Amino acid sequence: MTPEPTTPQQRRVLGGARRTDLYALLGAGAAALGLTTLLYTQFTPFDGALGFVVIAYLAFLGFYGLLVSLEENGPAVRDRLAAVVVRSLGYLLFLALFLVVAFILWEGHRAYLHVNFFTTDMAKAGPLDPLTVGGISHAAIGTLEQIGIALLLTVPLGLGCAVFLGETRGRFAKLVRTLTEAMTALPSIVAGLFVYAMLIIGLGLHKSGFAASVALSVMMLPIIIRAADVVLRLVPGTLREASLALGASQWRTVWHVVLPTARSGLTTSVILGTARGVGETSPVLLTAGMAFAVNANPFDGPQVSLPLQTFSAVKSPMPDMIARGFGTAAVLMFLVVVLFIVARIVGGRPAGRLTRGQQRRRARASARDVIRFNGRHQTIAVVPGSRAPSGP
């Protein structure tokens, strides 16, 4: 008996969307919407928008799986369902983020549309004054100075500790890693109380922006250390071995091989630490106090930040003060976006890609090396009985 001819399997296209996929999505959506409407209006006493959305989504998944199963086999159906669930969750998170940002921008537009909101402080403005009086310049200066000082403290300490954890072995390194992981869940109020007890009560210092920066550093440091430690672990060990095999010391290997390779990830760790510190309110309130005028000296006198100004404004019953609070929150979001963009520009280049300035410096260094090598060859050639090397 001759075997029956088998139908050749068709290669599945993983990327892109087919017309049948669009029809399946539209048909499943229409069927789910109709079924849920019938359940809510005819057959069940259900009520509420949230329940309607949940039931409609579950019905959509069921109908979509049924429609896809008419043309695909079991693994393909599960793949399509998983893709729909993952994409729908991503769209849901994007929608939630969009609603939060849009709500803050809309509620604060009455405040940040005035120029004085960015150029003046609240020294001569009260809760009953209109939006044409007062601004947030004092809070913006305080936030920039506090985060700047906190980054000066945490970036070298955090990256150095991460290098220590990644390049050394032993019980002390395990202890440091355990403490770092435990401190990532440290409440911000505890960090503020710690710095308040140590610097202000213990050493007798006054409330200032510097004390707030130290409190923010306590919150940011564990985040930077842990994220940088994970990134440095991802650097291939073969790169370290190749550098050490060429005669480089461990320090030069870390400085010229490990850190440049993990530069983008280290930048991300700094971004995560900055995001943790820039939105803190309670440590700043405990260590820097509250100020309504510009104080450009972070080492003397109370100093306010944008999150603290937002908290102080939105708890007021006056509509104009609430609008100032939402406007301050909008400025804080814009400041965070600018900081993230700058960090990405500075450290977002992949390993091995140099800027134009670095390329010029590399070319000048290569030219100096060529002159030095040529001078060495000429010195060897004039020595009696010597033989010039055959290599370059």
Protein backbone atom coordinates (compact mmCIF):
# COMPACT_ATOMS: atom_id res chain seq x y z
CA MET A 1 0.00 0.00 0.00
CA THR A 2 1.30 3.39 -0.87
CA PRO A 3 1.34 5.86 2.02
CA GLU A 4 -1.10 8.70 1.85
CA PRO A 5 0.49 12.02 0.94
CA THR A 6 0.88 14.30 3.91
CA THR A 7 0.03 17.97 3.75
CA PRO A 8 3.18 20.04 4.18
CA GLN A 9 3.15 22.28 7.21
CA GLN A 10 3.06 25.99 6.56
CA ARG A 11 5.58 28.23 8.27
CA ARG A 12 4.00 30.51 10.80
CA VAL A 13 4.64 34.23 10.53
CA LEU A 14 5.49 35.54 13.99
CA GLY A 15 5.67 39.23 13.15
CA GLY A 16 2.92 41.43 11.76
CA ALA A 17 -0.83 40.99 11.72
CA ARG A 18 -3.02 39.22 9.21
CA ARG A 19 -6.47 40.21 8.08
CA THR A 20 -7.99 37.18 9.81
CA ASP A 21 -6.42 38.26 13.10
CA LEU A 22 -8.13 41.64 12.82
CA TYR A 23 -11.45 39.98 12.03
CA ALA A 24 -11.06 37.69 15.05
CA LEU A 25 -10.36 40.65 17.35
CA LEU A 26 -13.31 42.67 16.06
CA GLY A 27 -15.67 39.70 16.15
CA ALA A 28 -14.64 38.69 19.67
CA GLY A 29 -14.99 42.29 20.87
CA ALA A 30 -18.47 42.68 19.38
CA ALA A 31 -19.63 39.31 20.74
CA ALA A 32 -18.26 40.05 24.23
CA LEU A 33 -19.87 43.49 24.30
CA GLY A 34 -23.24 42.10 23.18
CA LEU A 35 -23.16 39.18 25.65
CA THR A 36 -22.21 41.41 28.58
CA THR A 37 -24.94 43.90 27.68
CA LEU A 38 -27.53 41.12 27.64
CA LEU A 39 -26.33 39.83 31.00
CA TYR A 40 -26.53 43.28 32.59
CA THR A 41 -29.87 44.32 31.08
CA GLN A 42 -31.89 41.11 30.70
CA PHE A 43 -30.68 38.08 32.65
CA THR A 44 -28.82 39.18 35.80
CA PRO A 45 -29.14 41.99 38.37
CA PHE A 46 -25.50 42.99 37.89
CA ASP A 47 -24.60 46.65 38.10
CA GLY A 48 -21.43 48.73 38.04
CA ALA A 49 -18.98 49.80 35.34
CA LEU A 50 -16.00 47.88 36.76
CA GLY A 51 -17.87 44.56 36.75
CA PHE A 52 -19.09 45.24 33.21
CA VAL A 53 -15.51 45.77 32.00
CA VAL A 54 -14.19 42.66 33.77
CA ILE A 55 -16.95 40.37 32.45
CA ALA A 56 -16.63 41.81 28.95
CA TYR A 57 -12.88 41.24 28.96
CA LEU A 58 -13.21 37.63 30.10
CA ALA A 59 -15.87 37.01 27.47
CA PHE A 60 -13.63 38.63 24.86
CA LEU A 61 -10.81 36.22 25.71
CA GLY A 62 -13.17 33.25 25.42
CA PHE A 63 -14.63 34.31 22.08
CA TYR A 64 -11.20 35.21 20.71
CA GLY A 65 -9.78 31.82 21.66
CA LEU A 66 -12.79 30.13 20.03
CA LEU A 67 -12.38 32.08 16.78
CA VAL A 68 -8.64 31.48 16.61
CA SER A 69 -9.12 27.74 17.25
CA LEU A 70 -11.10 27.48 14.01
CA GLU A 71 -7.90 28.05 12.00
CA GLU A 72 -4.99 27.31 14.37
CA ASN A 73 -3.91 24.40 16.52
CA GLY A 74 -3.56 24.32 20.32
CA PRO A 75 -0.10 25.93 20.72
CA ALA A 76 -1.02 28.72 18.30
CA VAL A 77 -4.25 29.43 20.20
CA ARG A 78 -2.37 29.68 23.51
CA ASP A 79 0.20 31.92 21.87
CA ARG A 80 -2.48 34.26 20.52
CA LEU A 81 -4.27 34.41 23.87
CA ALA A 82 -1.03 35.13 25.73
CA ALA A 83 -0.18 37.89 23.25
CA VAL A 84 -3.62 39.49 23.68
CA VAL A 85 -3.38 39.37 27.50
CA VAL A 86 0.12 40.85 27.58
CA ARG A 87 -0.72 43.64 25.14
CA SER A 88 -3.96 44.50 26.88
CA LEU A 89 -2.16 44.77 30.22
CA GLY A 90 0.44 47.02 28.60
CA TYR A 91 -2.30 49.24 27.16
CA LEU A 92 -3.99 49.33 30.57
CA LEU A 93 -0.80 50.50 32.29
CA PHE A 94 -0.23 53.11 29.59
CA LEU A 95 -3.80 54.33 30.00
CA ALA A 96 -3.37 54.60 33.77
CA LEU A 97 -0.13 56.56 33.34
CA PHE A 98 -1.74 58.82 30.76
CA LEU A 99 -4.72 59.53 33.02
CA VAL A 100 -2.47 60.41 35.97
CA VAL A 101 -0.32 62.76 33.91
CA ALA A 102 -3.30 64.31 32.14
CA PHE A 103 -5.17 64.83 35.42
CA ILE A 104 -2.20 66.61 37.01
CA LEU A 105 -1.63 68.79 33.95
CA TRP A 106 -5.30 69.73 33.73
CA GLU A 107 -5.73 70.51 37.41
CA GLY A 108 -2.58 72.65 37.45
CA HIS A 109 -2.95 74.48 34.15
CA ARG A 110 -4.51 77.52 35.85
CA ALA A 111 -1.30 77.97 37.84
CA TYR A 112 1.56 77.25 35.44
CA LEU A 113 0.03 79.38 32.68
CA HIS A 114 1.16 82.45 34.67
CA VAL A 115 4.78 83.53 34.25
CA ASN A 116 5.09 84.55 37.90
CA PHE A 117 4.50 80.93 38.88
CA PHE A 118 8.04 80.11 37.73
CA THR A 119 9.86 83.34 38.63
CA THR A 120 8.63 84.27 42.12
CA ASP A 121 8.33 82.62 45.53
CA MET A 122 5.63 82.53 48.18
CA ALA A 123 7.19 85.11 50.50
CA LYS A 124 4.53 87.73 49.72
CA ALA A 125 1.68 85.40 48.77
CA GLY A 126 -0.95 83.93 51.04
CA PRO A 127 -3.71 81.36 50.70
CA LEU A 128 -6.25 84.01 49.68
CA ASP A 129 -4.07 85.67 47.03
CA PRO A 130 -4.84 85.00 43.36
CA LEU A 131 -2.63 82.95 41.07
CA THR A 132 -1.05 86.10 39.69
CA VAL A 133 0.86 86.38 42.99
CA GLY A 134 3.45 83.89 44.20
CA GLY A 135 5.31 81.01 42.59
CA ILE A 136 7.58 78.03 43.12
CA SER A 137 11.05 79.34 42.34
CA HIS A 138 12.14 78.69 45.93
CA ALA A 139 10.97 75.06 45.73
CA ALA A 140 12.60 74.46 42.34
CA ILE A 141 15.95 75.81 43.56
CA GLY A 142 15.70 73.69 46.71
CA THR A 143 14.96 70.50 44.77
CA LEU A 144 17.82 71.04 42.32
CA GLU A 145 20.32 71.73 45.09
CA GLN A 146 19.18 68.86 47.30
CA ILE A 147 19.15 66.29 44.50
CA GLY A 148 22.48 67.59 43.17
CA ILE A 149 24.18 67.21 46.54
CA ALA A 150 22.54 63.81 47.06
CA LEU A 151 23.85 62.62 43.69
CA LEU A 152 27.34 63.87 44.53
CA LEU A 153 27.18 61.71 47.66
CA THR A 154 25.46 58.62 46.32
CA VAL A 155 26.87 58.11 42.82
CA PRO A 156 30.53 57.53 43.81
CA LEU A 157 29.56 55.65 46.97
CA GLY A 158 26.91 53.54 45.25
CA LEU A 159 28.97 52.62 42.19
CA GLY A 160 32.06 51.99 44.34
CA CYS A 161 30.10 49.70 46.64
CA ALA A 162 28.63 47.88 43.64
CA VAL A 163 32.13 47.34 42.21
CA PHE A 164 33.26 46.08 45.60
CA LEU A 165 30.40 43.59 45.74
CA GLY A 166 31.03 42.42 42.18
CA GLU A 167 34.81 42.14 42.28
CA THR A 168 35.40 40.73 45.75
CA ARG A 169 34.26 37.60 47.50
CA GLY A 170 33.89 36.84 51.17
CA ARG A 171 31.63 37.08 54.17
CA PHE A 172 31.91 40.86 54.41
CA ALA A 173 30.69 41.27 50.83
CA LYS A 174 27.71 39.00 51.58
CA LEU A 175 26.94 41.04 54.69
CA VAL A 176 27.04 44.31 52.73
CA ARG A 177 24.77 42.87 50.04
CA THR A 178 22.28 41.66 52.65
CA LEU A 179 22.19 45.04 54.38
CA THR A 180 21.76 46.80 51.05
CA GLU A 181 18.82 44.62 50.09
CA ALA A 182 17.25 45.21 53.50
CA MET A 183 17.68 48.99 53.23
CA THR A 184 15.83 49.15 49.91
CA ALA A 185 12.59 48.71 51.89
CA LEU A 186 13.53 51.34 54.50
CA PRO A 187 10.63 53.76 55.10
CA SER A 188 11.47 57.34 54.20
CA ILE A 189 10.30 58.64 57.58
CA VAL A 190 12.89 56.41 59.29
CA ALA A 191 15.68 57.87 57.13
CA GLY A 192 14.50 61.37 57.96
CA LEU A 193 14.39 60.63 61.68
CA PHE A 194 17.86 59.07 61.54
CA VAL A 195 19.43 62.11 59.91
CA TYR A 196 17.46 64.44 62.18
CA ALA A 197 18.76 62.64 65.27
CA MET A 198 22.35 62.43 64.01
CA LEU A 199 22.93 65.83 62.42
CA ILE A 200 20.41 68.20 63.96
CA ILE A 201 20.06 66.84 67.50
CA GLY A 202 23.39 65.02 67.84
CA LEU A 203 25.75 67.50 66.12
CA GLY A 204 23.66 70.61 66.72
CA LEU A 205 23.29 71.59 63.06
CA HIS A 206 20.37 73.68 61.89
CA LYS A 207 17.74 72.47 59.48
CA SER A 208 19.06 72.97 55.98
CA GLY A 209 19.04 71.66 52.46
CA PHE A 210 22.27 69.77 53.13
CA ALA A 211 20.61 67.77 55.91
CA ALA A 212 17.76 66.98 53.53
CA SER A 213 20.31 65.86 50.93
CA VAL A 214 21.87 63.46 53.43
CA ALA A 215 18.44 62.04 54.22
CA LEU A 216 17.71 61.63 50.52
CA SER A 217 21.09 59.95 50.09
CA VAL A 218 20.12 57.34 52.66
CA MET A 219 17.06 56.56 50.52
CA MET A 220 18.86 56.63 47.17
CA LEU A 221 22.03 54.74 48.06
CA PRO A 222 20.54 51.21 48.45
CA ILE A 223 18.64 51.56 45.17
CA ILE A 224 21.77 52.56 43.24
CA ILE A 225 23.93 49.87 44.87
CA ARG A 226 21.50 47.05 44.22
CA ALA A 227 20.70 48.04 40.63
CA ALA A 228 24.38 48.63 39.78
CA ASP A 229 25.36 45.32 41.38
CA VAL A 230 22.89 43.46 39.17
CA VAL A 231 24.18 45.27 36.07
CA LEU A 232 27.84 44.54 36.85
CA ARG A 233 27.02 40.86 37.31
CA LEU A 234 25.78 40.77 33.72
CA VAL A 235 29.17 41.79 32.31
CA PRO A 236 30.63 38.64 30.67
CA GLY A 237 33.46 37.09 32.65
CA THR A 238 35.40 36.50 29.43
CA LEU A 239 35.99 40.25 29.15
CA ARG A 240 37.59 40.34 32.58
CA GLU A 241 39.66 37.24 31.80
CA ALA A 242 40.88 38.70 28.50
CA SER A 243 41.94 41.94 30.16
CA LEU A 244 43.75 40.16 32.97
CA ALA A 245 45.42 37.81 30.47
CA LEU A 246 46.84 40.83 28.60
CA GLY A 247 48.55 41.96 31.79
CA ALA A 248 46.11 44.60 33.05
CA SER A 249 45.59 44.94 36.77
CA GLN A 250 42.22 44.39 38.40
CA TRP A 251 41.74 48.14 38.86
CA ARG A 252 42.46 48.88 35.17
CA THR A 253 40.18 46.02 34.18
CA VAL A 254 37.33 47.48 36.20
CA TRP A 255 37.95 51.05 35.02
CA HIS A 256 38.55 50.37 31.31
CA VAL A 257 36.52 47.20 30.67
CA VAL A 258 33.80 46.52 33.24
CA LEU A 259 32.45 50.02 33.83
CA PRO A 260 32.36 51.08 30.12
CA THR A 261 30.60 47.84 29.22
CA ALA A 262 27.91 48.40 31.88
CA ARG A 263 27.63 52.16 31.36
CA SER A 264 24.04 52.14 30.13
CA GLY A 265 22.89 49.92 32.99
CA LEU A 266 24.74 52.00 35.55
CA THR A 267 23.01 55.08 34.21
CA THR A 268 19.70 53.32 34.70
CA SER A 269 20.62 52.56 38.32
CA VAL A 270 21.36 56.25 38.92
CA ILE A 271 18.02 57.13 37.32
CA LEU A 272 16.19 54.74 39.64
CA GLY A 273 17.91 56.24 42.67
CA THR A 274 17.10 59.76 41.52
CA ALA A 275 13.46 58.83 41.00
CA ARG A 276 13.33 57.50 44.56
CA GLY A 277 14.83 60.62 46.08
CA VAL A 278 13.26 63.37 44.01
CA GLY A 279 9.72 62.57 45.17
CA GLU A 280 10.35 62.23 48.92
CA THR A 281 8.50 64.59 51.24
CA SER A 282 8.81 63.46 54.86
CA PRO A 283 12.66 63.42 55.05
CA VAL A 284 12.77 66.96 53.65
CA LEU A 285 10.13 68.17 56.10
CA LEU A 286 12.04 66.74 59.09
CA THR A 287 15.53 67.86 58.06
CA ALA A 288 15.02 71.04 55.98
CA GLY A 289 11.89 72.50 57.51
CA MET A 290 9.52 74.73 55.56
CA ALA A 291 10.41 77.95 53.75
CA PHE A 292 8.38 80.38 51.66
CA ALA A 293 11.25 82.45 50.26
CA VAL A 294 14.23 81.60 48.09
CA ASN A 295 17.17 80.20 50.04
CA ALA A 296 20.03 79.49 47.63
CA ASN A 297 22.39 78.42 50.42
CA PRO A 298 21.77 74.71 51.13
CA PHE A 299 24.00 74.81 54.24
CA ASP A 300 22.16 77.49 56.19
CA GLY A 301 18.48 77.90 56.94
CA PRO A 302 15.30 76.04 56.03
CA GLN A 303 14.77 75.05 52.43
CA VAL A 304 11.70 73.61 50.74
CA SER A 305 11.46 71.20 47.81
CA LEU A 306 8.90 70.68 45.05
CA PRO A 307 7.27 67.58 46.64
CA LEU A 308 7.01 69.35 50.00
CA GLN A 309 5.56 72.45 48.32
CA THR A 310 3.02 70.22 46.55
CA PHE A 311 2.03 68.55 49.82
CA SER A 312 1.68 71.90 51.57
CA ALA A 313 -0.45 73.40 48.79
CA VAL A 314 -2.89 70.58 48.02
CA LYS A 315 -3.95 70.15 51.66
CA SER A 316 -5.21 73.75 51.67
CA PRO A 317 -8.99 74.23 51.26
CA MET A 318 -8.49 77.18 48.89
CA PRO A 319 -8.93 76.36 45.16
CA ASP A 320 -6.03 78.59 44.09
CA MET A 321 -3.63 76.88 46.51
CA ILE A 322 -4.77 73.48 45.24
CA ALA A 323 -4.11 74.66 41.69
CA ARG A 324 -0.63 75.76 42.80
CA GLY A 325 -0.05 72.29 44.23
CA PHE A 326 -1.00 70.54 41.01
CA GLY A 327 1.06 73.02 39.01
CA THR A 328 4.04 72.26 41.24
CA ALA A 329 3.52 68.54 40.65
CA ALA A 330 3.49 69.16 36.90
CA VAL A 331 6.79 71.07 37.14
CA LEU A 332 8.24 68.22 39.21
CA MET A 333 7.29 65.69 36.52
CA PHE A 334 8.87 67.88 33.84
CA LEU A 335 12.06 68.21 35.91
CA VAL A 336 12.27 64.44 36.35
CA VAL A 337 11.84 63.90 32.60
CA VAL A 338 14.63 66.41 31.87
CA LEU A 339 16.96 64.69 34.35
CA PHE A 340 16.23 61.31 32.78
CA ILE A 341 16.90 62.64 29.26
CA VAL A 342 20.21 64.16 30.34
CA ALA A 343 21.22 60.91 32.06
CA ARG A 344 20.36 58.92 28.94
CA ILE A 345 22.38 61.25 26.74
CA VAL A 346 25.39 61.09 29.04
CA GLY A 347 25.43 57.34 29.69
CA GLY A 348 23.10 55.80 27.15
CA ARG A 349 25.71 55.03 24.49
CA PRO A 350 26.55 51.35 24.09
CA ALA A 351 30.01 50.06 24.93
CA GLY A 352 32.62 50.83 22.28
CA ARG A 353 30.78 53.77 20.69
CA LEU A 354 32.73 56.96 21.24
CA THR A 355 31.68 60.57 20.93
CA ARG A 356 33.40 62.87 18.47
CA GLY A 357 35.52 64.39 21.22
CA GLN A 358 36.57 60.95 22.42
CA GLN A 359 37.41 59.93 18.85
CA ARG A 360 39.64 62.99 18.43
CA ARG A 361 41.40 62.31 21.72
CA ARG A 362 41.85 58.66 20.73
CA ALA A 363 43.34 59.74 17.37
CA ARG A 364 45.77 62.15 19.04
CA ALA A 365 46.84 59.45 21.49
CA SER A 366 47.41 57.02 18.60
CA ALA A 367 49.53 59.63 16.77
CA ARG A 368 51.67 60.13 19.87
CA ASP A 369 52.10 56.36 20.16
CA VAL A 370 53.25 56.15 16.53
CA ILE A 371 55.87 58.89 17.10
CA ARG A 372 57.06 57.17 20.25
CA PHE A 373 57.34 53.77 18.55
CA ASN A 374 59.23 55.27 15.58
CA GLY A 375 61.66 56.97 17.93
CA ARG A 376 62.23 53.70 19.75
CA HIS A 377 62.97 51.89 16.46
CA GLN A 378 65.45 54.56 15.39
CA THR A 379 67.23 54.33 18.76
CA ILE A 380 67.58 50.57 18.42
CA ALA A 381 68.88 50.91 14.82
CA VAL A 382 71.77 53.25 15.70
CA VAL A 383 73.08 51.05 18.49
CA PRO A 384 76.16 49.08 17.17
CA GLY A 385 75.44 45.39 16.70
CA SER A 386 71.72 45.81 17.27
CA ARG A 387 69.04 44.55 14.95
CA ALA A 388 65.84 46.38 14.30
CA PRO A 389 62.73 44.42 15.23
CA SER A 390 60.80 42.90 12.38
CA GLY A 391 57.40 43.71 13.80
CA PRO A 392 55.65 47.10 13.61
